Amino acid sequence: MEWVKIFYDFHQRWLAGYYLGPILDQHRDQAAAATADLGHEVVAVELVPAGAAHARMLASRPERGGSLSVIEGDFYRVELAQTFDVVCYWDGFGIGSDADQRRLLRRMGTGWHRTAAR
């Protein structure tokens, strides 16, 4: 699945990280940042360096109502040190085979989600 990282690297460069701009307002050009702006504590996993850098820039904005932490990594391999009340997956379903998607959903449901991980 190395092509996925190459695809999202190009995706980030082509769209300059603003592909959600028309949906969200001009100050919230990434879903994770928008969620943090609404007062939530958010941990974002970004695959490509440009996406991670963009998210970190958004995380540094002083108007943030919640918090945004950014981890650069592959969500199929990343090890998260905590569990979460809510796990969201924006912009990526359909990447990989059906088996890959089921593996990711199991990871999200049994490893990352707080109530399931108990």
Protein backbone atom coordinates (compact mmCIF):
# COMPACT_ATOMS: atom_id res chain seq x y z
CA MET A 1 0.00 0.00 0.00
CA GLU A 2 2.95 2.34 -0.54
CA TRP A 3 0.91 4.02 -3.31
CA VAL A 4 -1.41 5.45 -0.62
CA LYS A 5 1.34 7.61 0.87
CA ILE A 6 2.37 8.79 -2.60
CA PHE A 7 -1.28 9.58 -3.46
CA TYR A 8 -1.85 11.63 -0.28
CA ASP A 9 1.45 13.42 -0.71
CA PHE A 10 0.30 14.58 -4.16
CA HIS A 11 -3.19 15.25 -2.80
CA GLN A 12 -1.75 17.57 -0.16
CA ARG A 13 0.43 19.43 -2.68
CA TRP A 14 -2.29 19.77 -5.32
CA LEU A 15 -4.91 21.05 -2.92
CA ALA A 16 -2.56 22.79 -0.49
CA GLY A 17 -4.46 21.31 2.45
CA TYR A 18 -7.57 23.41 1.79
CA TYR A 19 -9.90 20.83 0.29
CA LEU A 20 -12.42 21.26 3.12
CA GLY A 21 -12.32 25.06 2.94
CA PRO A 22 -15.66 25.49 1.15
CA ILE A 23 -17.38 23.16 3.61
CA LEU A 24 -15.84 24.62 6.74
CA ASP A 25 -15.22 28.32 7.19
CA GLN A 26 -11.98 30.02 6.22
CA HIS A 27 -10.52 29.62 9.71
CA ARG A 28 -11.17 25.88 9.90
CA ASP A 29 -9.65 24.35 6.81
CA GLN A 30 -9.16 20.87 8.25
CA ALA A 31 -11.76 18.67 9.96
CA ALA A 32 -9.55 17.88 12.98
CA ALA A 33 -8.76 21.58 13.49
CA ALA A 34 -12.43 22.51 13.12
CA THR A 35 -13.35 19.93 15.75
CA ALA A 36 -10.70 21.33 18.12
CA ASP A 37 -11.99 24.86 17.43
CA LEU A 38 -15.35 23.68 18.75
CA GLY A 39 -13.72 22.88 22.09
CA HIS A 40 -12.82 19.21 21.75
CA GLU A 41 -9.51 17.49 22.49
CA VAL A 42 -8.38 16.00 19.17
CA VAL A 43 -5.50 13.71 18.20
CA ALA A 44 -4.98 13.63 14.44
CA VAL A 45 -2.98 10.97 12.61
CA GLU A 46 -1.62 12.37 9.34
CA LEU A 47 0.11 10.10 6.84
CA VAL A 48 2.23 12.55 4.84
CA PRO A 49 4.68 15.14 6.19
CA ALA A 50 2.96 18.07 4.42
CA GLY A 51 -0.41 17.13 5.94
CA ALA A 52 1.15 16.79 9.39
CA ALA A 53 2.92 20.15 9.02
CA HIS A 54 -0.32 21.82 7.93
CA ALA A 55 -2.22 20.32 10.87
CA ARG A 56 0.52 21.43 13.30
CA MET A 57 0.31 24.95 11.91
CA LEU A 58 -3.46 24.91 12.51
CA ALA A 59 -2.90 23.51 16.00
CA SER A 60 -0.71 26.48 16.86
CA ARG A 61 -3.46 29.04 16.24
CA PRO A 62 -4.31 30.91 19.44
CA GLU A 63 -8.08 30.88 18.91
CA ARG A 64 -8.30 27.14 19.43
CA GLY A 65 -11.13 26.31 21.86
CA GLY A 66 -9.95 22.75 22.51
CA SER A 67 -6.67 21.12 21.66
CA LEU A 68 -5.16 19.51 18.59
CA SER A 69 -2.22 17.10 18.75
CA VAL A 70 -0.77 15.74 15.53
CA ILE A 71 0.93 12.39 15.00
CA GLU A 72 2.63 11.77 11.67
CA GLY A 73 2.14 8.13 10.85
CA ASP A 74 0.28 5.32 9.15
CA PHE A 75 -3.00 4.51 10.92
CA TYR A 76 -2.46 0.82 10.09
CA ARG A 77 0.75 0.85 12.15
CA VAL A 78 0.63 3.80 14.56
CA GLU A 79 0.59 2.97 18.26
CA LEU A 80 -1.54 5.38 20.26
CA ALA A 81 -0.84 5.78 23.97
CA GLN A 82 -4.44 6.51 24.87
CA THR A 83 -8.02 5.59 24.04
CA PHE A 84 -10.77 7.98 22.97
CA ASP A 85 -14.47 8.61 23.55
CA VAL A 86 -14.97 9.14 19.81
CA VAL A 87 -12.90 7.90 16.87
CA CYS A 88 -13.48 9.63 13.50
CA TYR A 89 -11.93 8.72 10.18
CA TRP A 90 -12.06 11.52 7.62
CA ASP A 91 -10.86 11.25 4.03
CA GLY A 92 -9.59 7.77 3.51
CA PHE A 93 -12.13 4.96 3.59
CA GLY A 94 -11.74 2.88 0.47
CA ILE A 95 -7.95 2.91 0.67
CA GLY A 96 -6.67 -0.64 0.50
CA SER A 97 -8.57 -3.88 0.19
CA ASP A 98 -11.76 -4.83 2.00
CA ALA A 99 -9.59 -6.84 4.40
CA ASP A 100 -7.46 -3.73 5.07
CA GLN A 101 -10.59 -1.72 5.85
CA ARG A 102 -11.94 -4.40 8.21
CA ARG A 103 -8.55 -4.53 9.97
CA LEU A 104 -8.60 -0.74 10.41
CA LEU A 105 -12.18 -0.76 11.71
CA ARG A 106 -11.24 -3.47 14.23
CA ARG A 107 -8.26 -1.38 15.34
CA MET A 108 -10.45 1.68 15.76
CA GLY A 109 -13.20 -0.19 17.57
CA THR A 110 -11.24 -2.48 19.85
CA GLY A 111 -8.00 -0.58 20.38
CA TRP A 112 -8.68 3.13 20.16
CA HIS A 113 -12.26 3.55 21.32
CA ARG A 114 -12.42 3.95 25.09
CA THR A 115 -15.51 1.87 25.89
CA ALA A 116 -14.52 -0.96 23.56
CA ALA A 117 -10.96 -1.09 24.89
CA ARG A 118 -12.05 -1.70 28.51
